[in-house]
Amino acid sequence: MSSTIHFSERTQDRPAGPVRLLTLPTPVDDFVSFRGSFLAYPDLAAGEGVLQQLAVAMLDQGTEHRDRFELAQVLEDRGAKLNLSSDGLYVDIRGQALADDLPDVLDVLAEMLQSPAFDEAEFEKTRAQTVGQLQRSLEKTSSRAANALTRSLFADGHPNYRPPLETRIQQVQAATRADVRDYHRAHFGATDFTLAVVGDLAHDPVAGAVEEAFAGFAPHESAPAHAVEARGGRPRRESIPMPDKSNVDVRLGHALPIRRDDEAYLPLYVGNYILGGNFAARLMTTVRDEKGLTYGIGSSLSGITTRYPGYFKTQVTLSHDVLEEGIEATETVIRTFVEEGATQEELEAKKETIAGSFTVGLATTGRLAYSLLLNAERDFEVGYLDAFLDRVHALTLDDVNDAVRTHLRPDALHVAAAGTRPEVVSV
């Protein structure tokens, strides 16, 4: 597939029952991919993120009409895939099927979402598996450092906040089947339910199948309860000692005041790409290639949506004997970049890199469906996808450097380090 998709010309955006449906025909034979989501609005400060995670994990474990083996058999007989996951405020849906089998797969999806059995024995298994996954994460330096940074930047209840893993384990262990069932009843429904289907399709038959499958899936009445703003306070450093680890994972970052639909987002995104977006970025060429302090380093704009702001984050893995030198070198690169700005050569090179990455991201039906869904979640017109590369190429060096100088604040960086012998320092 080419990057010249012409989304606005070829995509149909219409209601299909309670669902906002986007359909895009592409030149593949007999095959479709779909991505979807709806807003569940968990009260994250009250621990409902865990209840949502458990509820979603049990959706394929049997319904009031079919047990988990019967559900799996329907999908297996058709060679179809269907996955559901919990993603902050959203429940996400991902699948693929033969075009003729899509109505059957949608029926299975609708049944899972609307009438899960929440069998007691299956609940106990799911809870034990979830605890096991969290306990394994306790041994990962990358997870521990990344999660600790979010707690420095955001208050409990913000979608970007990650509670301590020990707290999440306790919440899972304390959850009951009744808690999960009640959460499902209150938070699962067609609230901002969007579905994007891409592949060998005709618009009307897909719309008919979606409308029939989800006719009884009404929006829920739960209101948003999440925090929106970042936590205030001076930069601080948090250390998570993890004996017997060969390296220290470090995360540096600060909250950003912008959302995904702000004008400053795109030039800041490009600026960050120059700083730490790939192997040819400033951080990698300086901290790894020139100084030899790490095998991996990069930066990103994380957790930024149209519903709430996110943060600037730099990740670097260091050996404990060069920990302080590596952190100092990383901070110096960031500070120098903000003060001096990008060069025209860097900007032009990254524009081409971003264009190439965007094109690769449209190379499969699954990625196309995801792009349509994400664009819809941001409440952008479908045509935004057509105009994205033109917007990137239109950015000037002043646009990028002004955004970087305005929004990246080297003196505001919080630091979280997890691994062998990171020292506790307050700054």
Protein backbone atom coordinates (compact mmCIF):
# COMPACT_ATOMS: atom_id res chain seq x y z
CA MET A 1 0.00 0.00 0.00
CA SER A 2 1.17 3.50 -0.76
CA SER A 3 1.07 6.41 1.64
CA THR A 4 -1.36 8.08 -0.81
CA ILE A 5 -4.49 6.68 0.83
CA HIS A 6 -6.74 9.73 0.36
CA PHE A 7 -8.53 9.00 3.62
CA SER A 8 -11.13 11.74 3.30
CA GLU A 9 -12.18 10.52 -0.17
CA ARG A 10 -12.28 6.79 0.56
CA THR A 11 -13.29 6.55 4.22
CA GLN A 12 -16.93 6.54 5.19
CA ASP A 13 -17.70 7.94 8.66
CA ARG A 14 -21.24 7.15 9.80
CA PRO A 15 -23.31 5.98 12.77
CA ALA A 16 -24.14 2.26 12.87
CA GLY A 17 -26.49 1.79 15.79
CA PRO A 18 -24.65 3.09 18.88
CA VAL A 19 -21.28 2.92 17.11
CA ARG A 20 -19.36 5.56 15.21
CA LEU A 21 -18.17 3.46 12.28
CA LEU A 22 -15.29 4.27 9.93
CA THR A 23 -14.86 1.97 6.94
CA LEU A 24 -12.02 2.09 4.43
CA PRO A 25 -11.82 -0.29 1.45
CA THR A 26 -8.28 -1.26 0.46
CA PRO A 27 -6.86 -3.53 -2.27
CA VAL A 28 -6.55 -6.74 -0.27
CA ASP A 29 -8.50 -9.92 -0.97
CA ASP A 30 -11.08 -11.42 1.41
CA PHE A 31 -9.61 -9.91 4.57
CA VAL A 32 -10.42 -7.12 7.03
CA SER A 33 -8.81 -5.68 10.14
CA PHE A 34 -10.62 -3.67 12.76
CA ARG A 35 -9.74 -1.51 15.74
CA GLY A 36 -12.18 -0.03 18.23
CA SER A 37 -12.56 1.59 21.62
CA PHE A 38 -15.08 3.02 24.03
CA LEU A 39 -14.67 5.23 27.08
CA ALA A 40 -15.21 3.43 30.38
CA TYR A 41 -14.27 6.34 32.69
CA PRO A 42 -12.80 4.42 35.64
CA ASP A 43 -12.26 6.32 38.87
CA LEU A 44 -8.50 5.81 38.87
CA ALA A 45 -7.92 7.36 42.28
CA ALA A 46 -10.36 4.82 43.75
CA GLY A 47 -8.48 1.88 42.23
CA GLU A 48 -10.97 1.20 39.46
CA GLY A 49 -8.19 0.86 36.93
CA VAL A 50 -7.53 -2.58 38.40
CA LEU A 51 -11.21 -3.51 38.21
CA GLN A 52 -11.25 -2.52 34.54
CA GLN A 53 -8.15 -4.59 33.88
CA LEU A 54 -9.70 -7.65 35.52
CA ALA A 55 -13.04 -7.15 33.76
CA VAL A 56 -11.40 -6.93 30.34
CA ALA A 57 -9.23 -9.97 31.05
CA MET A 58 -12.36 -12.03 31.74
CA LEU A 59 -14.34 -11.06 28.66
CA ASP A 60 -13.07 -14.04 26.65
CA GLN A 61 -13.47 -16.46 29.56
CA GLY A 62 -17.10 -17.21 28.87
CA THR A 63 -20.43 -15.44 28.55
CA GLU A 64 -23.95 -16.11 29.78
CA HIS A 65 -24.54 -18.02 26.53
CA ARG A 66 -21.24 -19.74 25.68
CA ASP A 67 -18.24 -20.92 27.68
CA ARG A 68 -14.71 -19.86 26.81
CA PHE A 69 -14.09 -22.98 24.71
CA GLU A 70 -17.14 -22.31 22.53
CA LEU A 71 -16.11 -18.67 22.05
CA ALA A 72 -12.59 -19.71 21.11
CA GLN A 73 -13.94 -22.34 18.70
CA VAL A 74 -15.98 -19.77 16.76
CA LEU A 75 -12.85 -17.69 16.20
CA GLU A 76 -10.57 -20.65 15.53
CA ASP A 77 -12.92 -22.17 12.94
CA ARG A 78 -12.81 -18.90 11.03
CA GLY A 79 -9.12 -18.18 11.47
CA ALA A 80 -10.07 -14.93 13.16
CA LYS A 81 -8.29 -13.00 15.90
CA LEU A 82 -9.94 -10.90 18.60
CA ASN A 83 -8.16 -9.15 21.47
CA LEU A 84 -9.42 -6.74 24.11
CA SER A 85 -7.31 -4.65 26.46
CA SER A 86 -7.61 -1.97 29.11
CA ASP A 87 -5.97 1.35 28.25
CA GLY A 88 -6.55 4.02 30.88
CA LEU A 89 -9.94 5.57 30.25
CA TYR A 90 -10.59 3.27 27.28
CA VAL A 91 -11.34 -0.34 26.56
CA ASP A 92 -9.55 -1.19 23.30
CA ILE A 93 -10.54 -3.76 20.66
CA ARG A 94 -8.33 -5.29 18.00
CA GLY A 95 -9.15 -8.00 15.50
CA GLN A 96 -8.96 -9.45 12.02
CA ALA A 97 -11.08 -11.86 10.03
CA LEU A 98 -12.04 -13.00 6.58
CA ALA A 99 -14.45 -10.46 5.16
CA ASP A 100 -17.32 -12.96 4.98
CA ASP A 101 -16.79 -13.95 8.61
CA LEU A 102 -16.86 -10.41 10.02
CA PRO A 103 -20.54 -10.56 11.13
CA ASP A 104 -19.86 -13.73 13.16
CA VAL A 105 -16.78 -12.21 14.79
CA LEU A 106 -18.68 -9.02 15.64
CA ASP A 107 -21.41 -11.14 17.23
CA VAL A 108 -18.80 -12.80 19.46
CA LEU A 109 -17.36 -9.39 20.36
CA ALA A 110 -20.78 -7.97 21.22
CA GLU A 111 -21.58 -11.02 23.36
CA MET A 112 -18.31 -10.72 25.26
CA LEU A 113 -18.84 -7.02 25.94
CA GLN A 114 -22.48 -7.21 26.95
CA SER A 115 -22.95 -10.51 28.77
CA PRO A 116 -19.74 -11.90 30.29
CA ALA A 117 -20.34 -14.72 32.76
CA PHE A 118 -17.71 -13.68 35.32
CA ASP A 119 -17.54 -17.28 36.50
CA GLU A 120 -16.08 -17.55 40.01
CA ALA A 121 -13.48 -20.17 39.11
CA GLU A 122 -12.37 -18.21 36.04
CA PHE A 123 -12.20 -15.05 38.13
CA GLU A 124 -9.83 -16.70 40.61
CA LYS A 125 -7.58 -17.83 37.74
CA THR A 126 -7.60 -14.39 36.16
CA ARG A 127 -6.81 -12.67 39.44
CA ALA A 128 -3.90 -15.06 40.10
CA GLN A 129 -2.54 -14.54 36.58
CA THR A 130 -2.76 -10.77 36.97
CA VAL A 131 -0.91 -10.87 40.28
CA GLY A 132 1.78 -13.01 38.64
CA GLN A 133 2.20 -10.51 35.81
CA LEU A 134 2.56 -7.64 38.27
CA GLN A 135 5.05 -9.56 40.39
CA ARG A 136 7.20 -10.17 37.31
CA SER A 137 7.10 -6.46 36.58
CA LEU A 138 8.59 -5.86 40.03
CA GLU A 139 11.82 -7.34 38.67
CA LYS A 140 11.99 -5.07 35.63
CA THR A 141 14.12 -1.98 36.12
CA SER A 142 12.52 -0.25 33.13
CA SER A 143 9.00 -0.61 34.53
CA ARG A 144 10.01 0.49 38.01
CA ALA A 145 11.79 3.63 36.78
CA ALA A 146 9.08 4.60 34.28
CA ASN A 147 6.31 4.16 36.83
CA ALA A 148 8.19 6.12 39.49
CA LEU A 149 8.62 9.07 37.14
CA THR A 150 4.85 9.28 36.56
CA ARG A 151 4.26 9.50 40.30
CA SER A 152 6.58 12.50 40.49
CA LEU A 153 4.71 14.27 37.70
CA PHE A 154 1.05 13.40 38.21
CA ALA A 155 -1.39 13.01 41.06
CA ASP A 156 -3.19 9.77 41.83
CA GLY A 157 -6.25 9.77 39.57
CA HIS A 158 -4.51 11.15 36.50
CA PRO A 159 -4.45 8.67 33.59
CA ASN A 160 -0.67 9.02 33.32
CA TYR A 161 -0.11 8.18 37.00
CA ARG A 162 1.09 4.64 37.68
CA PRO A 163 0.55 3.42 41.25
CA PRO A 164 3.36 1.45 42.87
CA LEU A 165 3.29 -2.13 41.68
CA GLU A 166 2.96 -3.29 45.27
CA THR A 167 -0.21 -1.20 45.57
CA ARG A 168 -1.65 -2.64 42.38
CA ILE A 169 -0.93 -6.17 43.59
CA GLN A 170 -2.79 -5.43 46.81
CA GLN A 171 -5.71 -3.96 44.86
CA VAL A 172 -5.94 -7.03 42.64
CA GLN A 173 -5.77 -9.38 45.61
CA ALA A 174 -8.52 -7.42 47.38
CA ALA A 175 -10.84 -7.32 44.35
CA THR A 176 -13.82 -9.66 44.35
CA ARG A 177 -15.88 -11.14 41.55
CA ALA A 178 -18.76 -8.92 42.68
CA ASP A 179 -16.54 -5.82 42.44
CA VAL A 180 -15.60 -6.67 38.86
CA ARG A 181 -19.16 -7.52 37.86
CA ASP A 182 -20.46 -4.27 39.34
CA TYR A 183 -17.75 -2.29 37.58
CA HIS A 184 -18.70 -3.89 34.29
CA ARG A 185 -22.36 -3.02 34.77
CA ALA A 186 -21.56 0.61 35.52
CA HIS A 187 -18.76 1.32 33.03
CA PHE A 188 -19.16 -0.89 29.96
CA GLY A 189 -21.32 0.59 27.23
CA ALA A 190 -21.27 2.38 23.90
CA THR A 191 -19.96 5.66 25.32
CA ASP A 192 -17.92 7.22 22.50
CA PHE A 193 -17.77 3.76 20.94
CA THR A 194 -15.76 3.98 17.72
CA LEU A 195 -14.94 1.15 15.33
CA ALA A 196 -12.63 1.36 12.30
CA VAL A 197 -12.76 -1.45 9.73
CA VAL A 198 -10.26 -1.64 6.85
CA GLY A 199 -9.79 -4.13 4.02
CA ASP A 200 -11.85 -5.98 1.44
CA LEU A 201 -15.22 -4.47 2.26
CA ALA A 202 -18.27 -2.60 1.08
CA HIS A 203 -19.48 0.16 3.39
CA ASP A 204 -23.16 -0.77 3.72
CA PRO A 205 -22.82 -4.49 4.58
CA VAL A 206 -20.27 -3.70 7.30
CA ALA A 207 -22.52 -1.00 8.73
CA GLY A 208 -25.44 -3.43 8.76
CA ALA A 209 -23.40 -6.08 10.58
CA VAL A 210 -22.16 -3.57 13.18
CA GLU A 211 -25.64 -2.17 13.77
CA GLU A 212 -27.12 -5.64 14.22
CA ALA A 213 -24.37 -6.86 16.55
CA PHE A 214 -24.39 -3.85 18.88
CA ALA A 215 -28.07 -2.85 18.77
CA GLY A 216 -28.45 -3.50 22.50
CA PHE A 217 -25.16 -1.96 23.63
CA ALA A 218 -26.29 1.33 25.15
CA PRO A 219 -23.99 4.07 26.48
CA HIS A 220 -23.27 3.83 30.21
CA GLU A 221 -23.97 6.67 32.62
CA SER A 222 -20.62 6.89 34.43
CA ALA A 223 -19.11 10.36 34.30
CA PRO A 224 -15.43 11.26 33.92
CA ALA A 225 -13.66 11.08 37.29
CA HIS A 226 -10.01 11.38 36.28
CA ALA A 227 -7.64 14.20 37.18
CA VAL A 228 -6.53 16.41 34.30
CA GLU A 229 -3.66 18.62 35.49
CA ALA A 230 -0.13 17.61 36.42
CA ARG A 231 1.27 17.66 39.93
CA GLY A 232 3.18 20.79 40.92
CA GLY A 233 6.36 20.98 42.97
CA ARG A 234 10.11 21.19 42.60
CA PRO A 235 12.04 18.59 40.61
CA ARG A 236 13.05 15.58 42.64
CA ARG A 237 14.99 12.40 42.26
CA GLU A 238 13.70 8.99 43.26
CA SER A 239 15.80 5.87 43.61
CA ILE A 240 14.54 2.28 43.52
CA PRO A 241 17.35 -0.04 44.66
CA MET A 242 17.17 -3.44 42.91
CA PRO A 243 20.07 -5.68 43.91
CA ASP A 244 21.76 -7.98 41.42
CA LYS A 245 20.71 -5.99 38.37
CA SER A 246 23.50 -5.39 35.87
CA ASN A 247 22.26 -1.94 34.84
CA VAL A 248 20.30 1.05 36.08
CA ASP A 249 17.29 2.24 34.12
CA VAL A 250 16.84 5.99 34.37
CA ARG A 251 13.88 8.15 33.39
CA LEU A 252 14.05 11.93 33.28
CA GLY A 253 11.09 14.14 32.53
CA HIS A 254 8.68 16.92 33.31
CA ALA A 255 5.01 17.59 32.70
CA LEU A 256 3.93 19.49 29.59
CA PRO A 257 1.02 21.94 29.51
CA ILE A 258 -0.10 21.08 25.97
CA ARG A 259 -2.66 18.67 24.55
CA ARG A 260 -2.61 16.79 21.26
CA ASP A 261 -4.77 19.37 19.47
CA ASP A 262 -2.65 22.36 20.53
CA GLU A 263 -0.79 24.16 17.73
CA ALA A 264 2.47 23.68 19.62
CA TYR A 265 2.24 19.90 19.60
CA LEU A 266 3.47 19.18 16.08
CA PRO A 267 6.55 21.45 16.11
CA LEU A 268 7.43 20.14 19.57
CA TYR A 269 6.99 16.56 18.33
CA VAL A 270 9.42 17.23 15.48
CA GLY A 271 11.82 18.98 17.84
CA ASN A 272 11.80 16.03 20.19
CA TYR A 273 12.43 13.70 17.26
CA ILE A 274 15.60 15.65 16.52
CA LEU A 275 16.60 15.43 20.17
CA GLY A 276 15.86 11.79 20.89
CA GLY A 277 13.53 10.20 18.36
CA ASN A 278 15.82 7.63 16.75
CA PHE A 279 19.39 6.35 16.42
CA ALA A 280 20.48 9.46 14.53
CA ALA A 281 19.14 11.86 17.17
CA ARG A 282 21.22 14.15 19.39
CA LEU A 283 20.96 12.05 22.55
CA MET A 284 22.05 8.84 20.85
CA THR A 285 24.92 10.34 18.88
CA THR A 286 26.31 12.17 21.92
CA VAL A 287 25.66 10.01 24.99
CA ARG A 288 26.10 6.66 23.26
CA ASP A 289 28.28 7.16 20.18
CA GLU A 290 30.62 9.92 21.39
CA LYS A 291 30.78 9.26 25.13
CA GLY A 292 30.10 5.51 25.17
CA LEU A 293 27.98 5.75 28.30
CA THR A 294 24.98 3.70 27.18
CA TYR A 295 23.68 1.26 24.59
CA GLY A 296 20.28 2.89 24.50
CA ILE A 297 18.84 6.36 25.00
CA GLY A 298 15.91 8.29 23.56
CA SER A 299 13.20 10.79 24.36
CA SER A 300 9.49 11.09 23.66
CA LEU A 301 6.34 13.09 24.24
CA SER A 302 4.29 10.70 26.35
CA GLY A 303 0.71 10.43 27.50
CA ILE A 304 -0.50 13.48 25.57
CA THR A 305 -4.12 13.30 24.40
CA THR A 306 -6.86 15.76 23.55
CA ARG A 307 -8.43 15.02 26.95
CA TYR A 308 -5.43 15.76 29.17
CA PRO A 309 -1.79 16.88 28.91
CA GLY A 310 1.18 14.53 29.21
CA TYR A 311 4.92 14.81 29.69
CA PHE A 312 8.36 14.94 28.13
CA LYS A 313 10.38 11.83 28.94
CA THR A 314 13.95 10.70 28.35
CA GLN A 315 14.94 7.09 28.95
CA VAL A 316 18.51 5.85 29.30
CA THR A 317 20.09 2.63 30.53
CA LEU A 318 23.40 3.01 32.39
CA SER A 319 25.82 0.81 34.26
CA HIS A 320 25.98 1.71 37.94
CA ASP A 321 29.61 2.84 37.72
CA VAL A 322 28.76 5.60 35.21
CA LEU A 323 25.32 6.45 36.59
CA GLU A 324 26.02 10.03 37.61
CA GLU A 325 28.15 10.74 34.56
CA GLY A 326 25.43 9.38 32.30
CA ILE A 327 22.66 11.41 33.92
CA GLU A 328 24.79 14.56 33.74
CA ALA A 329 25.65 13.95 30.08
CA THR A 330 21.97 13.40 29.26
CA GLU A 331 20.90 16.58 31.00
CA THR A 332 23.67 18.51 29.23
CA VAL A 333 22.51 17.37 25.79
CA ILE A 334 18.96 18.39 26.58
CA ARG A 335 20.03 21.78 27.94
CA THR A 336 22.30 22.50 24.97
CA PHE A 337 19.58 21.51 22.53
CA VAL A 338 17.07 23.85 24.16
CA GLU A 339 19.54 26.73 24.29
CA GLU A 340 21.05 26.37 20.81
CA GLY A 341 18.16 24.77 18.94
CA ALA A 342 18.11 22.39 16.00
CA THR A 343 19.86 23.04 12.71
CA GLN A 344 18.19 23.27 9.31
CA GLU A 345 20.00 20.10 8.25
CA GLU A 346 18.64 18.20 11.25
CA LEU A 347 15.13 19.47 10.60
CA GLU A 348 15.11 18.42 6.95
CA ALA A 349 16.53 14.99 7.78
CA LYS A 350 13.92 14.35 10.46
CA LYS A 351 11.08 15.52 8.24
CA GLU A 352 12.07 12.77 5.81
CA THR A 353 12.39 10.24 8.62
CA ILE A 354 8.95 11.10 9.99
CA ALA A 355 7.47 10.87 6.50
CA GLY A 356 8.99 7.43 6.03
CA SER A 357 7.75 6.24 9.41
CA PHE A 358 4.26 7.55 8.67
CA THR A 359 4.23 5.68 5.35
CA VAL A 360 5.34 2.44 6.98
CA GLY A 361 2.58 2.94 9.53
CA LEU A 362 0.01 2.79 6.72
CA ALA A 363 1.41 -0.39 5.16
CA THR A 364 -1.10 -2.89 6.60
CA THR A 365 -4.83 -2.99 7.18
CA GLY A 366 -4.24 -3.25 10.92
CA ARG A 367 -2.11 -0.12 11.04
CA LEU A 368 -4.58 1.75 8.84
CA ALA A 369 -7.44 0.80 11.16
CA TYR A 370 -5.42 1.94 14.16
CA SER A 371 -4.63 5.28 12.48
CA LEU A 372 -8.31 5.89 11.76
CA LEU A 373 -9.30 4.98 15.31
CA LEU A 374 -6.64 7.14 16.96
CA ASN A 375 -7.54 10.07 14.76
CA ALA A 376 -11.21 9.66 15.71
CA GLU A 377 -10.41 9.41 19.43
CA ARG A 378 -8.67 12.78 19.08
CA ASP A 379 -11.85 14.13 17.49
CA PHE A 380 -9.93 15.10 14.35
CA GLU A 381 -11.52 15.09 10.91
CA VAL A 382 -10.51 12.15 8.73
CA GLY A 383 -8.76 14.62 6.43
CA TYR A 384 -6.17 15.34 9.15
CA LEU A 385 -4.45 12.10 8.13
CA ASP A 386 -4.24 13.31 4.52
CA ALA A 387 -2.76 16.63 5.60
CA PHE A 388 -0.36 15.32 8.27
CA LEU A 389 2.78 15.15 6.13
CA ASP A 390 2.06 18.52 4.54
CA ARG A 391 1.81 19.98 8.06
CA VAL A 392 5.15 18.44 8.98
CA HIS A 393 6.91 19.66 5.82
CA ALA A 394 5.49 23.17 6.30
CA LEU A 395 7.18 23.58 9.69
CA THR A 396 10.04 26.05 9.75
CA LEU A 397 13.15 25.95 11.88
CA ASP A 398 11.80 28.85 13.92
CA ASP A 399 8.53 26.96 14.52
CA VAL A 400 10.42 23.99 15.91
CA ASN A 401 13.00 25.87 17.97
CA ASP A 402 10.37 28.21 19.43
CA ALA A 403 8.30 25.23 20.56
CA VAL A 404 11.35 23.55 22.09
CA ARG A 405 12.45 26.68 23.95
CA THR A 406 8.93 27.34 25.19
CA HIS A 407 8.04 23.87 26.42
CA LEU A 408 11.21 21.88 27.23
CA ARG A 409 12.61 22.90 30.61
CA PRO A 410 15.94 21.27 31.49
CA ASP A 411 15.91 22.75 35.01
CA ALA A 412 12.52 21.12 35.70
CA LEU A 413 13.56 17.53 35.02
CA HIS A 414 12.55 14.93 37.58
CA VAL A 415 14.72 11.81 37.74
CA ALA A 416 13.79 8.22 38.60
CA ALA A 417 16.43 5.47 38.67
CA ALA A 418 15.92 1.74 39.23
CA GLY A 419 18.68 -0.83 39.48
CA THR A 420 21.85 -1.71 41.33
CA ARG A 421 23.12 0.90 43.76
CA PRO A 422 21.42 4.07 42.49
CA GLU A 423 21.97 6.62 45.19
CA VAL A 424 19.19 8.62 46.76
CA VAL A 425 19.69 12.31 46.08
CA SER A 426 17.19 15.14 46.60
CA VAL A 427 17.37 18.04 44.19
